[in-house]
Amino acid sequence: KAVFVVMDAIDAIYHRYNDVYASREEIISKSNALDDSKVYQAFTD
């Protein structure tokens, strides 16, 4: 189910912020970059 959650969230982000992102693929790439320290801190928290 998480795959559908991810894709629906990415569609919503692109719809709201298409002035920031050129494509959905750009959001997907950024969400998979594995370099966001805030993400790891959120797990620890």
PDB file of all heavy atoms in Angstrom:
ATOM      1  N   LYS A   1       0.820  -1.215   0.000  1.00  0.00           N
ATOM      2  CA  LYS A   1       0.000   0.000   0.000  1.00  0.00           C
ATOM      3  C   LYS A   1       0.852   1.263   0.000  1.00  0.00           C
ATOM      4  O   LYS A   1       0.461   2.297  -0.570  1.00  0.00           O
ATOM      5  CB  LYS A   1      -0.930  -0.035   1.215  1.00  0.00           C
ATOM      6  CG  LYS A   1      -1.891   1.138   1.313  1.00  0.00           C
ATOM      7  CD  LYS A   1      -2.970   0.871   2.356  1.00  0.00           C
ATOM      8  CE  LYS A   1      -2.393   0.626   3.732  1.00  0.00           C
ATOM      9  NZ  LYS A   1      -3.436   0.372   4.752  1.00  0.00           N
ATOM     10  N   ALA A   2       2.024   1.181   0.632  1.00  0.00           N
ATOM     11  CA  ALA A   2       2.891   2.365   0.730  1.00  0.00           C
ATOM     12  C   ALA A   2       3.279   2.908  -0.645  1.00  0.00           C
ATOM     13  O   ALA A   2       3.514   4.113  -0.792  1.00  0.00           O
ATOM     14  CB  ALA A   2       4.151   2.030   1.528  1.00  0.00           C
ATOM     15  N   VAL A   3       3.359   2.030  -1.657  1.00  0.00           N
ATOM     16  CA  VAL A   3       3.692   2.493  -3.008  1.00  0.00           C
ATOM     17  C   VAL A   3       2.623   3.456  -3.510  1.00  0.00           C
ATOM     18  O   VAL A   3       2.929   4.491  -4.117  1.00  0.00           O
ATOM     19  CB  VAL A   3       3.850   1.296  -3.968  1.00  0.00           C
ATOM     20  CG1 VAL A   3       4.033   1.773  -5.411  1.00  0.00           C
ATOM     21  CG2 VAL A   3       5.027   0.428  -3.553  1.00  0.00           C
ATOM     22  N   PHE A   4       1.354   3.138  -3.243  1.00  0.00           N
ATOM     23  CA  PHE A   4       0.264   4.017  -3.673  1.00  0.00           C
ATOM     24  C   PHE A   4       0.270   5.324  -2.881  1.00  0.00           C
ATOM     25  O   PHE A   4      -0.020   6.390  -3.424  1.00  0.00           O
ATOM     26  CB  PHE A   4      -1.077   3.297  -3.518  1.00  0.00           C
ATOM     27  CG  PHE A   4      -1.222   2.111  -4.426  1.00  0.00           C
ATOM     28  CD1 PHE A   4      -0.941   0.838  -3.972  1.00  0.00           C
ATOM     29  CD2 PHE A   4      -1.617   2.269  -5.744  1.00  0.00           C
ATOM     30  CE1 PHE A   4      -1.054  -0.261  -4.802  1.00  0.00           C
ATOM     31  CE2 PHE A   4      -1.746   1.182  -6.587  1.00  0.00           C
ATOM     32  CZ  PHE A   4      -1.461  -0.085  -6.122  1.00  0.00           C
ATOM     33  N   VAL A   5       0.603   5.229  -1.585  1.00  0.00           N
ATOM     34  CA  VAL A   5       0.722   6.446  -0.766  1.00  0.00           C
ATOM     35  C   VAL A   5       1.791   7.369  -1.349  1.00  0.00           C
ATOM     36  O   VAL A   5       1.579   8.572  -1.514  1.00  0.00           O
ATOM     37  CB  VAL A   5       1.058   6.084   0.698  1.00  0.00           C
ATOM     38  CG1 VAL A   5       1.365   7.352   1.515  1.00  0.00           C
ATOM     39  CG2 VAL A   5      -0.084   5.312   1.340  1.00  0.00           C
ATOM     40  N   VAL A   6       2.943   6.801  -1.682  1.00  0.00           N
ATOM     41  CA  VAL A   6       4.045   7.586  -2.240  1.00  0.00           C
ATOM     42  C   VAL A   6       3.629   8.255  -3.547  1.00  0.00           C
ATOM     43  O   VAL A   6       3.834   9.466  -3.739  1.00  0.00           O
ATOM     44  CB  VAL A   6       5.292   6.695  -2.455  1.00  0.00           C
ATOM     45  CG1 VAL A   6       6.316   7.399  -3.329  1.00  0.00           C
ATOM     46  CG2 VAL A   6       5.915   6.318  -1.120  1.00  0.00           C
ATOM     47  N   MET A   7       3.042   7.495  -4.453  1.00  0.00           N
ATOM     48  CA  MET A   7       2.698   8.057  -5.761  1.00  0.00           C
ATOM     49  C   MET A   7       1.596   9.117  -5.645  1.00  0.00           C
ATOM     50  O   MET A   7       1.632  10.142  -6.331  1.00  0.00           O
ATOM     51  CB  MET A   7       2.286   6.951  -6.722  1.00  0.00           C
ATOM     52  CG  MET A   7       3.395   5.945  -7.034  1.00  0.00           C
ATOM     53  SD  MET A   7       5.032   6.691  -7.377  1.00  0.00           S
ATOM     54  CE  MET A   7       4.672   7.623  -8.854  1.00  0.00           C
ATOM     55  N   ASP A   8       0.611   8.885  -4.776  1.00  0.00           N
ATOM     56  CA  ASP A   8      -0.441   9.890  -4.579  1.00  0.00           C
ATOM     57  C   ASP A   8       0.134  11.167  -3.972  1.00  0.00           C
ATOM     58  O   ASP A   8      -0.236  12.285  -4.359  1.00  0.00           O
ATOM     59  CB  ASP A   8      -1.545   9.334  -3.671  1.00  0.00           C
ATOM     60  CG  ASP A   8      -2.448   8.351  -4.394  1.00  0.00           C
ATOM     61  OD1 ASP A   8      -2.404   8.306  -5.649  1.00  0.00           O
ATOM     62  OD2 ASP A   8      -3.214   7.627  -3.720  1.00  0.00           O
ATOM     63  N   ALA A   9       1.053  11.010  -3.011  1.00  0.00           N
ATOM     64  CA  ALA A   9       1.675  12.189  -2.390  1.00  0.00           C
ATOM     65  C   ALA A   9       2.492  12.966  -3.414  1.00  0.00           C
ATOM     66  O   ALA A   9       2.445  14.204  -3.457  1.00  0.00           O
ATOM     67  CB  ALA A   9       2.553  11.756  -1.216  1.00  0.00           C
ATOM     68  N   ILE A  10       3.243  12.245  -4.239  1.00  0.00           N
ATOM     69  CA  ILE A  10       4.064  12.912  -5.261  1.00  0.00           C
ATOM     70  C   ILE A  10       3.186  13.638  -6.271  1.00  0.00           C
ATOM     71  O   ILE A  10       3.489  14.767  -6.679  1.00  0.00           O
ATOM     72  CB  ILE A  10       4.994  11.880  -5.941  1.00  0.00           C
ATOM     73  CG1 ILE A  10       6.127  11.510  -4.968  1.00  0.00           C
ATOM     74  CG2 ILE A  10       5.580  12.433  -7.248  1.00  0.00           C
ATOM     75  CD1 ILE A  10       6.986  10.360  -5.416  1.00  0.00           C
ATOM     76  N   ASP A  11       2.074  13.029  -6.670  1.00  0.00           N
ATOM     77  CA  ASP A  11       1.128  13.708  -7.582  1.00  0.00           C
ATOM     78  C   ASP A  11       0.600  14.993  -6.944  1.00  0.00           C
ATOM     79  O   ASP A  11       0.486  16.027  -7.618  1.00  0.00           O
ATOM     80  CB  ASP A  11      -0.036  12.777  -7.920  1.00  0.00           C
ATOM     81  CG  ASP A  11       0.342  11.722  -8.947  1.00  0.00           C
ATOM     82  OD1 ASP A  11       1.395  11.876  -9.603  1.00  0.00           O
ATOM     83  OD2 ASP A  11      -0.418  10.738  -9.089  1.00  0.00           O
ATOM     84  N   ALA A  12       0.266  14.926  -5.651  1.00  0.00           N
ATOM     85  CA  ALA A  12      -0.263  16.110  -4.962  1.00  0.00           C
ATOM     86  C   ALA A  12       0.798  17.201  -4.855  1.00  0.00           C
ATOM     87  O   ALA A  12       0.494  18.395  -5.025  1.00  0.00           O
ATOM     88  CB  ALA A  12      -0.758  15.707  -3.567  1.00  0.00           C
ATOM     89  N   ILE A  13       2.043  16.808  -4.555  1.00  0.00           N
ATOM     90  CA  ILE A  13       3.138  17.790  -4.469  1.00  0.00           C
ATOM     91  C   ILE A  13       3.352  18.467  -5.817  1.00  0.00           C
ATOM     92  O   ILE A  13       3.473  19.698  -5.904  1.00  0.00           O
ATOM     93  CB  ILE A  13       4.443  17.098  -3.999  1.00  0.00           C
ATOM     94  CG1 ILE A  13       4.293  16.602  -2.560  1.00  0.00           C
ATOM     95  CG2 ILE A  13       5.634  18.051  -4.104  1.00  0.00           C
ATOM     96  CD1 ILE A  13       5.355  15.599  -2.151  1.00  0.00           C
ATOM     97  N   TYR A  14       3.371  17.676  -6.879  1.00  0.00           N
ATOM     98  CA  TYR A  14       3.565  18.251  -8.224  1.00  0.00           C
ATOM     99  C   TYR A  14       2.413  19.192  -8.590  1.00  0.00           C
ATOM    100  O   TYR A  14       2.636  20.274  -9.165  1.00  0.00           O
ATOM    101  CB  TYR A  14       3.685  17.133  -9.251  1.00  0.00           C
ATOM    102  CG  TYR A  14       3.898  17.654 -10.652  1.00  0.00           C
ATOM    103  CD1 TYR A  14       5.086  18.296 -11.005  1.00  0.00           C
ATOM    104  CD2 TYR A  14       2.899  17.520 -11.613  1.00  0.00           C
ATOM    105  CE1 TYR A  14       5.284  18.789 -12.284  1.00  0.00           C
ATOM    106  CE2 TYR A  14       3.081  18.023 -12.895  1.00  0.00           C
ATOM    107  CZ  TYR A  14       4.271  18.651 -13.229  1.00  0.00           C
ATOM    108  OH  TYR A  14       4.451  19.151 -14.491  1.00  0.00           O
ATOM    109  N   HIS A  15       1.209  18.799  -8.232  1.00  0.00           N
ATOM    110  CA  HIS A  15       0.038  19.640  -8.530  1.00  0.00           C
ATOM    111  C   HIS A  15       0.131  20.973  -7.809  1.00  0.00           C
ATOM    112  O   HIS A  15      -0.191  22.029  -8.385  1.00  0.00           O
ATOM    113  CB  HIS A  15      -1.237  18.904  -8.120  1.00  0.00           C
ATOM    114  CG  HIS A  15      -2.488  19.677  -8.380  1.00  0.00           C
ATOM    115  ND1 HIS A  15      -3.006  19.872  -9.646  1.00  0.00           N
ATOM    116  CD2 HIS A  15      -3.328  20.333  -7.527  1.00  0.00           C
ATOM    117  CE1 HIS A  15      -4.106  20.603  -9.575  1.00  0.00           C
ATOM    118  NE2 HIS A  15      -4.327  20.894  -8.291  1.00  0.00           N
ATOM    119  N   ARG A  16       0.591  20.961  -6.559  1.00  0.00           N
ATOM    120  CA  ARG A  16       0.649  22.190  -5.756  1.00  0.00           C
ATOM    121  C   ARG A  16       1.907  23.014  -6.021  1.00  0.00           C
ATOM    122  O   ARG A  16       1.896  24.229  -5.860  1.00  0.00           O
ATOM    123  CB  ARG A  16       0.586  21.843  -4.260  1.00  0.00           C
ATOM    124  CG  ARG A  16      -0.741  21.259  -3.817  1.00  0.00           C
ATOM    125  CD  ARG A  16      -0.811  21.164  -2.309  1.00  0.00           C
ATOM    126  NE  ARG A  16      -0.923  22.480  -1.679  1.00  0.00           N
ATOM    127  CZ  ARG A  16      -0.880  22.684  -0.369  1.00  0.00           C
ATOM    128  NH1 ARG A  16      -0.696  21.662   0.452  1.00  0.00           N
ATOM    129  NH2 ARG A  16      -0.995  23.890   0.121  1.00  0.00           N
ATOM    130  N   TYR A  17       2.995  22.348  -6.406  1.00  0.00           N
ATOM    131  CA  TYR A  17       4.283  23.048  -6.526  1.00  0.00           C
ATOM    132  C   TYR A  17       4.911  22.854  -7.908  1.00  0.00           C
ATOM    133  O   TYR A  17       6.121  22.710  -8.032  1.00  0.00           O
ATOM    134  CB  TYR A  17       5.251  22.541  -5.444  1.00  0.00           C
ATOM    135  CG  TYR A  17       4.732  22.705  -4.033  1.00  0.00           C
ATOM    136  CD1 TYR A  17       4.197  21.618  -3.342  1.00  0.00           C
ATOM    137  CD2 TYR A  17       4.766  23.945  -3.388  1.00  0.00           C
ATOM    138  CE1 TYR A  17       3.711  21.750  -2.051  1.00  0.00           C
ATOM    139  CE2 TYR A  17       4.276  24.087  -2.095  1.00  0.00           C
ATOM    140  CZ  TYR A  17       3.760  22.984  -1.428  1.00  0.00           C
ATOM    141  OH  TYR A  17       3.274  23.137  -0.153  1.00  0.00           O
ATOM    142  N   ASN A  18       4.074  22.870  -8.960  1.00  0.00           N
ATOM    143  CA  ASN A  18       4.646  22.675 -10.296  1.00  0.00           C
ATOM    144  C   ASN A  18       5.449  23.872 -10.776  1.00  0.00           C
ATOM    145  O   ASN A  18       6.091  23.817 -11.823  1.00  0.00           O
ATOM    146  CB  ASN A  18       3.565  22.290 -11.322  1.00  0.00           C
ATOM    147  CG  ASN A  18       2.441  23.316 -11.384  1.00  0.00           C
ATOM    148  OD1 ASN A  18       2.617  24.460 -10.994  1.00  0.00           O
ATOM    149  ND2 ASN A  18       1.290  22.878 -11.867  1.00  0.00           N
ATOM    150  N   ASP A  19       5.427  24.951 -10.001  1.00  0.00           N
ATOM    151  CA  ASP A  19       6.324  26.070 -10.309  1.00  0.00           C
ATOM    152  C   ASP A  19       7.732  25.808  -9.755  1.00  0.00           C
ATOM    153  O   ASP A  19       8.691  26.474 -10.152  1.00  0.00           O
ATOM    154  CB  ASP A  19       5.780  27.374  -9.710  1.00  0.00           C
ATOM    155  CG  ASP A  19       5.550  27.295  -8.210  1.00  0.00           C
ATOM    156  OD1 ASP A  19       5.257  26.175  -7.716  1.00  0.00           O
ATOM    157  OD2 ASP A  19       5.656  28.323  -7.523  1.00  0.00           O
ATOM    158  N   VAL A  20       7.843  24.809  -8.862  1.00  0.00           N
ATOM    159  CA  VAL A  20       9.129  24.444  -8.273  1.00  0.00           C
ATOM    160  C   VAL A  20       9.728  23.240  -8.993  1.00  0.00           C
ATOM    161  O   VAL A  20      10.943  23.199  -9.254  1.00  0.00           O
ATOM    162  CB  VAL A  20       8.967  24.120  -6.764  1.00  0.00           C
ATOM    163  CG1 VAL A  20      10.297  23.649  -6.170  1.00  0.00           C
ATOM    164  CG2 VAL A  20       8.427  25.334  -6.018  1.00  0.00           C
ATOM    165  N   TYR A  21       8.901  22.268  -9.316  1.00  0.00           N
ATOM    166  CA  TYR A  21       9.367  21.029  -9.927  1.00  0.00           C
ATOM    167  C   TYR A  21       8.947  20.956 -11.394  1.00  0.00           C
ATOM    168  O   TYR A  21       7.792  21.193 -11.740  1.00  0.00           O
ATOM    169  CB  TYR A  21       8.803  19.817  -9.186  1.00  0.00           C
ATOM    170  CG  TYR A  21       9.309  19.705  -7.767  1.00  0.00           C
ATOM    171  CD1 TYR A  21       8.481  20.008  -6.679  1.00  0.00           C
ATOM    172  CD2 TYR A  21      10.610  19.291  -7.506  1.00  0.00           C
ATOM    173  CE1 TYR A  21       8.942  19.892  -5.375  1.00  0.00           C
ATOM    174  CE2 TYR A  21      11.076  19.179  -6.199  1.00  0.00           C
ATOM    175  CZ  TYR A  21      10.245  19.474  -5.141  1.00  0.00           C
ATOM    176  OH  TYR A  21      10.703  19.371  -3.850  1.00  0.00           O
ATOM    177  N   ALA A  22       9.905  20.597 -12.239  1.00  0.00           N
ATOM    178  CA  ALA A  22       9.631  20.506 -13.680  1.00  0.00           C
ATOM    179  C   ALA A  22       8.839  19.253 -14.026  1.00  0.00           C
ATOM    180  O   ALA A  22       8.167  19.212 -15.056  1.00  0.00           O
ATOM    181  CB  ALA A  22      10.948  20.520 -14.458  1.00  0.00           C
ATOM    182  N   SER A  23       8.931  18.212 -13.183  1.00  0.00           N
ATOM    183  CA  SER A  23       8.237  16.953 -13.470  1.00  0.00           C
ATOM    184  C   SER A  23       8.078  16.152 -12.190  1.00  0.00           C
ATOM    185  O   SER A  23       8.740  16.418 -11.181  1.00  0.00           O
ATOM    186  CB  SER A  23       9.035  16.125 -14.492  1.00  0.00           C
ATOM    187  OG  SER A  23      10.268  15.709 -13.916  1.00  0.00           O
ATOM    188  N   ARG A  24       7.201  15.162 -12.244  1.00  0.00           N
ATOM    189  CA  ARG A  24       7.050  14.239 -11.123  1.00  0.00           C
ATOM    190  C   ARG A  24       8.351  13.461 -10.892  1.00  0.00           C
ATOM    191  O   ARG A  24       8.703  13.147  -9.749  1.00  0.00           O
ATOM    192  CB  ARG A  24       5.896  13.275 -11.390  1.00  0.00           C
ATOM    193  CG  ARG A  24       4.511  13.931 -11.307  1.00  0.00           C
ATOM    194  CD  ARG A  24       3.423  12.976 -11.767  1.00  0.00           C
ATOM    195  NE  ARG A  24       2.099  13.544 -11.583  1.00  0.00           N
ATOM    196  CZ  ARG A  24       1.540  14.412 -12.415  1.00  0.00           C
ATOM    197  NH1 ARG A  24       2.208  14.807 -13.496  1.00  0.00           N
ATOM    198  NH2 ARG A  24       0.327  14.878 -12.183  1.00  0.00           N
ATOM    199  N   GLU A  25       9.038  13.140 -11.995  1.00  0.00           N
ATOM    200  CA  GLU A  25      10.291  12.388 -11.879  1.00  0.00           C
ATOM    201  C   GLU A  25      11.320  13.135 -11.044  1.00  0.00           C
ATOM    202  O   GLU A  25      12.135  12.530 -10.343  1.00  0.00           O
ATOM    203  CB  GLU A  25      10.857  12.085 -13.266  1.00  0.00           C
ATOM    204  CG  GLU A  25      10.094  11.020 -14.040  1.00  0.00           C
ATOM    205  CD  GLU A  25       8.699  11.454 -14.463  1.00  0.00           C
ATOM    206  OE1 GLU A  25       8.488  12.673 -14.668  1.00  0.00           O
ATOM    207  OE2 GLU A  25       7.819  10.582 -14.582  1.00  0.00           O
ATOM    208  N   GLU A  26      11.305  14.449 -11.102  1.00  0.00           N
ATOM    209  CA  GLU A  26      12.237  15.249 -10.301  1.00  0.00           C
ATOM    210  C   GLU A  26      11.964  15.068  -8.812  1.00  0.00           C
ATOM    211  O   GLU A  26      12.897  14.971  -8.005  1.00  0.00           O
ATOM    212  CB  GLU A  26      12.118  16.724 -10.692  1.00  0.00           C
ATOM    213  CG  GLU A  26      13.158  17.609 -10.015  1.00  0.00           C
ATOM    214  CD  GLU A  26      13.023  19.078 -10.406  1.00  0.00           C
ATOM    215  OE1 GLU A  26      12.312  19.380 -11.394  1.00  0.00           O
ATOM    216  OE2 GLU A  26      13.626  19.934  -9.718  1.00  0.00           O
ATOM    217  N   ILE A  27      10.691  15.006  -8.450  1.00  0.00           N
ATOM    218  CA  ILE A  27      10.326  14.789  -7.043  1.00  0.00           C
ATOM    219  C   ILE A  27      10.728  13.388  -6.611  1.00  0.00           C
ATOM    220  O   ILE A  27      11.286  13.184  -5.521  1.00  0.00           O
ATOM    221  CB  ILE A  27       8.814  15.001  -6.830  1.00  0.00           C
ATOM    222  CG1 ILE A  27       8.372  16.362  -7.346  1.00  0.00           C
ATOM    223  CG2 ILE A  27       8.465  14.858  -5.340  1.00  0.00           C
ATOM    224  CD1 ILE A  27       6.865  16.547  -7.402  1.00  0.00           C
ATOM    225  N   ILE A  28      10.452  12.396  -7.469  1.00  0.00           N
ATOM    226  CA  ILE A  28      10.813  11.011  -7.162  1.00  0.00           C
ATOM    227  C   ILE A  28      12.319  10.897  -6.931  1.00  0.00           C
ATOM    228  O   ILE A  28      12.779  10.275  -5.972  1.00  0.00           O
ATOM    229  CB  ILE A  28      10.367  10.069  -8.305  1.00  0.00           C
ATOM    230  CG1 ILE A  28       8.844  10.011  -8.376  1.00  0.00           C
ATOM    231  CG2 ILE A  28      10.938   8.661  -8.098  1.00  0.00           C
ATOM    232  CD1 ILE A  28       8.303   9.304  -9.607  1.00  0.00           C
ATOM    233  N   SER A  29      13.101  11.523  -7.817  1.00  0.00           N
ATOM    234  CA  SER A  29      14.553  11.471  -7.694  1.00  0.00           C
ATOM    235  C   SER A  29      15.020  12.093  -6.380  1.00  0.00           C
ATOM    236  O   SER A  29      15.877  11.541  -5.681  1.00  0.00           O
ATOM    237  CB  SER A  29      15.203  12.180  -8.885  1.00  0.00           C
ATOM    238  OG  SER A  29      16.603  12.196  -8.754  1.00  0.00           O
ATOM    239  N   LYS A  30      14.434  13.222  -6.031  1.00  0.00           N
ATOM    240  CA  LYS A  30      14.826  13.905  -4.794  1.00  0.00           C
ATOM    241  C   LYS A  30      14.440  13.084  -3.566  1.00  0.00           C
ATOM    242  O   LYS A  30      15.178  13.037  -2.569  1.00  0.00           O
ATOM    243  CB  LYS A  30      14.175  15.285  -4.739  1.00  0.00           C
ATOM    244  CG  LYS A  30      14.830  16.241  -3.770  1.00  0.00           C
ATOM    245  CD  LYS A  30      14.402  17.677  -4.025  1.00  0.00           C
ATOM    246  CE  LYS A  30      15.183  18.631  -3.130  1.00  0.00           C
ATOM    247  NZ  LYS A  30      14.828  20.050  -3.384  1.00  0.00           N
ATOM    248  N   SER A  31      13.290  12.404  -3.654  1.00  0.00           N
ATOM    249  CA  SER A  31      12.823  11.617  -2.506  1.00  0.00           C
ATOM    250  C   SER A  31      13.645  10.346  -2.311  1.00  0.00           C
ATOM    251  O   SER A  31      13.556   9.704  -1.262  1.00  0.00           O
ATOM    252  CB  SER A  31      11.346  11.249  -2.691  1.00  0.00           C
ATOM    253  OG  SER A  31      11.175  10.285  -3.711  1.00  0.00           O
ATOM    254  N   ASN A  32      14.431   9.961  -3.318  1.00  0.00           N
ATOM    255  CA  ASN A  32      15.259   8.759  -3.239  1.00  0.00           C
ATOM    256  C   ASN A  32      16.751   9.059  -3.154  1.00  0.00           C
ATOM    257  O   ASN A  32      17.574   8.150  -3.307  1.00  0.00           O
ATOM    258  CB  ASN A  32      15.009   7.864  -4.468  1.00  0.00           C
ATOM    259  CG  ASN A  32      13.749   7.038  -4.322  1.00  0.00           C
ATOM    260  OD1 ASN A  32      13.422   6.615  -3.229  1.00  0.00           O
ATOM    261  ND2 ASN A  32      13.042   6.825  -5.415  1.00  0.00           N
ATOM    262  N   ALA A  33      17.120  10.306  -2.906  1.00  0.00           N
ATOM    263  CA  ALA A  33      18.537  10.685  -2.918  1.00  0.00           C
ATOM    264  C   ALA A  33      19.305  10.184  -1.690  1.00  0.00           C
ATOM    265  O   ALA A  33      20.535  10.101  -1.701  1.00  0.00           O
ATOM    266  CB  ALA A  33      18.680  12.200  -3.032  1.00  0.00           C
ATOM    267  N   LEU A  34      18.593   9.861  -0.606  1.00  0.00           N
ATOM    268  CA  LEU A  34      19.177   9.276   0.620  1.00  0.00           C
ATOM    269  C   LEU A  34      20.164  10.201   1.329  1.00  0.00           C
ATOM    270  O   LEU A  34      21.015   9.740   2.097  1.00  0.00           O
ATOM    271  CB  LEU A  34      19.887   7.938   0.305  1.00  0.00           C
ATOM    272  CG  LEU A  34      19.089   6.896  -0.477  1.00  0.00           C
ATOM    273  CD1 LEU A  34      19.923   5.630  -0.700  1.00  0.00           C
ATOM    274  CD2 LEU A  34      17.796   6.548   0.240  1.00  0.00           C
ATOM    275  N   ASP A  35      20.063  11.510   1.079  1.00  0.00           N
ATOM    276  CA  ASP A  35      21.051  12.442   1.628  1.00  0.00           C
ATOM    277  C   ASP A  35      20.454  13.490   2.562  1.00  0.00           C
ATOM    278  O   ASP A  35      21.120  14.463   2.909  1.00  0.00           O
ATOM    279  CB  ASP A  35      21.789  13.143   0.484  1.00  0.00           C
ATOM    280  CG  ASP A  35      20.849  13.929  -0.435  1.00  0.00           C
ATOM    281  OD1 ASP A  35      19.608  13.910  -0.208  1.00  0.00           O
ATOM    282  OD2 ASP A  35      21.347  14.563  -1.390  1.00  0.00           O
ATOM    283  N   ASP A  36      19.209  13.297   2.996  1.00  0.00           N
ATOM    284  CA  ASP A  36      18.536  14.292   3.832  1.00  0.00           C
ATOM    285  C   ASP A  36      18.710  13.921   5.303  1.00  0.00           C
ATOM    286  O   ASP A  36      18.089  12.978   5.792  1.00  0.00           O
ATOM    287  CB  ASP A  36      17.052  14.363   3.446  1.00  0.00           C
ATOM    288  CG  ASP A  36      16.343  15.564   4.065  1.00  0.00           C
ATOM    289  OD1 ASP A  36      16.797  16.037   5.132  1.00  0.00           O
ATOM    290  OD2 ASP A  36      15.332  16.022   3.498  1.00  0.00           O
ATOM    291  N   SER A  37      19.554  14.660   6.007  1.00  0.00           N
ATOM    292  CA  SER A  37      19.829  14.340   7.422  1.00  0.00           C
ATOM    293  C   SER A  37      18.579  14.470   8.286  1.00  0.00           C
ATOM    294  O   SER A  37      18.449  13.791   9.316  1.00  0.00           O
ATOM    295  CB  SER A  37      20.938  15.245   7.956  1.00  0.00           C
ATOM    296  OG  SER A  37      20.560  16.613   7.869  1.00  0.00           O
ATOM    297  N   LYS A  38      17.637  15.336   7.884  1.00  0.00           N
ATOM    298  CA  LYS A  38      16.395  15.508   8.659  1.00  0.00           C
ATOM    299  C   LYS A  38      15.584  14.216   8.664  1.00  0.00           C
ATOM    300  O   LYS A  38      14.878  13.924   9.641  1.00  0.00           O
ATOM    301  CB  LYS A  38      15.551  16.643   8.072  1.00  0.00           C
ATOM    302  CG  LYS A  38      16.203  18.011   8.051  1.00  0.00           C
ATOM    303  CD  LYS A  38      15.208  19.106   7.702  1.00  0.00           C
ATOM    304  CE  LYS A  38      14.523  18.912   6.350  1.00  0.00           C
ATOM    305  NZ  LYS A  38      15.468  18.961   5.201  1.00  0.00           N
ATOM    306  N   VAL A  39      15.684  13.461   7.597  1.00  0.00           N
ATOM    307  CA  VAL A  39      14.946  12.200   7.499  1.00  0.00           C
ATOM    308  C   VAL A  39      15.474  11.201   8.528  1.00  0.00           C
ATOM    309  O   VAL A  39      14.699  10.577   9.270  1.00  0.00           O
ATOM    310  CB  VAL A  39      15.055  11.619   6.074  1.00  0.00           C
ATOM    311  CG1 VAL A  39      14.488  10.203   6.015  1.00  0.00           C
ATOM    312  CG2 VAL A  39      14.318  12.515   5.084  1.00  0.00           C
ATOM    313  N   TYR A  40      16.787  11.059   8.613  1.00  0.00           N
ATOM    314  CA  TYR A  40      17.374  10.107   9.573  1.00  0.00           C
ATOM    315  C   TYR A  40      17.101  10.542  11.009  1.00  0.00           C
ATOM    316  O   TYR A  40      16.858   9.707  11.887  1.00  0.00           O
ATOM    317  CB  TYR A  40      18.869   9.951   9.307  1.00  0.00           C
ATOM    318  CG  TYR A  40      19.153   9.423   7.920  1.00  0.00           C
ATOM    319  CD1 TYR A  40      19.887  10.165   6.997  1.00  0.00           C
ATOM    320  CD2 TYR A  40      18.663   8.184   7.523  1.00  0.00           C
ATOM    321  CE1 TYR A  40      20.129   9.691   5.715  1.00  0.00           C
ATOM    322  CE2 TYR A  40      18.896   7.699   6.245  1.00  0.00           C
ATOM    323  CZ  TYR A  40      19.634   8.456   5.344  1.00  0.00           C
ATOM    324  OH  TYR A  40      19.859   7.977   4.074  1.00  0.00           O
ATOM    325  N   GLN A  41      17.113  11.852  11.246  1.00  0.00           N
ATOM    326  CA  GLN A  41      16.817  12.349  12.590  1.00  0.00           C
ATOM    327  C   GLN A  41      15.374  12.047  12.971  1.00  0.00           C
ATOM    328  O   GLN A  41      15.081  11.709  14.124  1.00  0.00           O
ATOM    329  CB  GLN A  41      17.070  13.859  12.662  1.00  0.00           C
ATOM    330  CG  GLN A  41      16.955  14.437  14.071  1.00  0.00           C
ATOM    331  CD  GLN A  41      17.935  13.803  15.041  1.00  0.00           C
ATOM    332  OE1 GLN A  41      19.121  13.723  14.769  1.00  0.00           O
ATOM    333  NE2 GLN A  41      17.435  13.328  16.189  1.00  0.00           N
ATOM    334  N   ALA A  42      14.467  12.138  11.992  1.00  0.00           N
ATOM    335  CA  ALA A  42      13.054  11.844  12.261  1.00  0.00           C
ATOM    336  C   ALA A  42      12.867  10.378  12.647  1.00  0.00           C
ATOM    337  O   ALA A  42      12.045  10.059  13.521  1.00  0.00           O
ATOM    338  CB  ALA A  42      12.206  12.193  11.044  1.00  0.00           C
ATOM    339  N   PHE A  43      13.626   9.483  12.022  1.00  0.00           N
ATOM    340  CA  PHE A  43      13.585   8.070  12.431  1.00  0.00           C
ATOM    341  C   PHE A  43      14.039   7.937  13.875  1.00  0.00           C
ATOM    342  O   PHE A  43      13.378   7.297  14.699  1.00  0.00           O
ATOM    343  CB  PHE A  43      14.492   7.222  11.529  1.00  0.00           C
ATOM    344  CG  PHE A  43      13.847   6.760  10.255  1.00  0.00           C
ATOM    345  CD1 PHE A  43      14.167   7.359   9.045  1.00  0.00           C
ATOM    346  CD2 PHE A  43      12.923   5.725  10.260  1.00  0.00           C
ATOM    347  CE1 PHE A  43      13.592   6.928   7.862  1.00  0.00           C
ATOM    348  CE2 PHE A  43      12.332   5.287   9.087  1.00  0.00           C
ATOM    349  CZ  PHE A  43      12.664   5.888   7.875  1.00  0.00           C
ATOM    350  N   THR A  44      15.189   8.537  14.192  1.00  0.00           N
ATOM    351  CA  THR A  44      15.738   8.435  15.546  1.00  0.00           C
ATOM    352  C   THR A  44      14.785   9.029  16.574  1.00  0.00           C
ATOM    353  O   THR A  44      14.659   8.507  17.693  1.00  0.00           O
ATOM    354  CB  THR A  44      17.105   9.148  15.606  1.00  0.00           C
ATOM    355  OG1 THR A  44      18.009   8.518  14.694  1.00  0.00           O
ATOM    356  CG2 THR A  44      17.699   9.085  17.003  1.00  0.00           C
ATOM    357  N   ASP A  45      14.087  10.098  16.195  1.00  0.00           N
ATOM    358  CA  ASP A  45      13.145  10.756  17.107  1.00  0.00           C
ATOM    359  C   ASP A  45      11.858   9.963  17.292  1.00  0.00           C
ATOM    360  O   ASP A  45      11.017  10.334  18.127  1.00  0.00           O
ATOM    361  CB  ASP A  45      12.810  12.158  16.595  1.00  0.00           C
ATOM    362  CG  ASP A  45      13.996  13.105  16.662  1.00  0.00           C
ATOM    363  OD1 ASP A  45      14.970  12.795  17.384  1.00  0.00           O
ATOM    364  OD2 ASP A  45      13.964  14.160  15.985  1.00  0.00           O
TER     365      ASP A  45
END
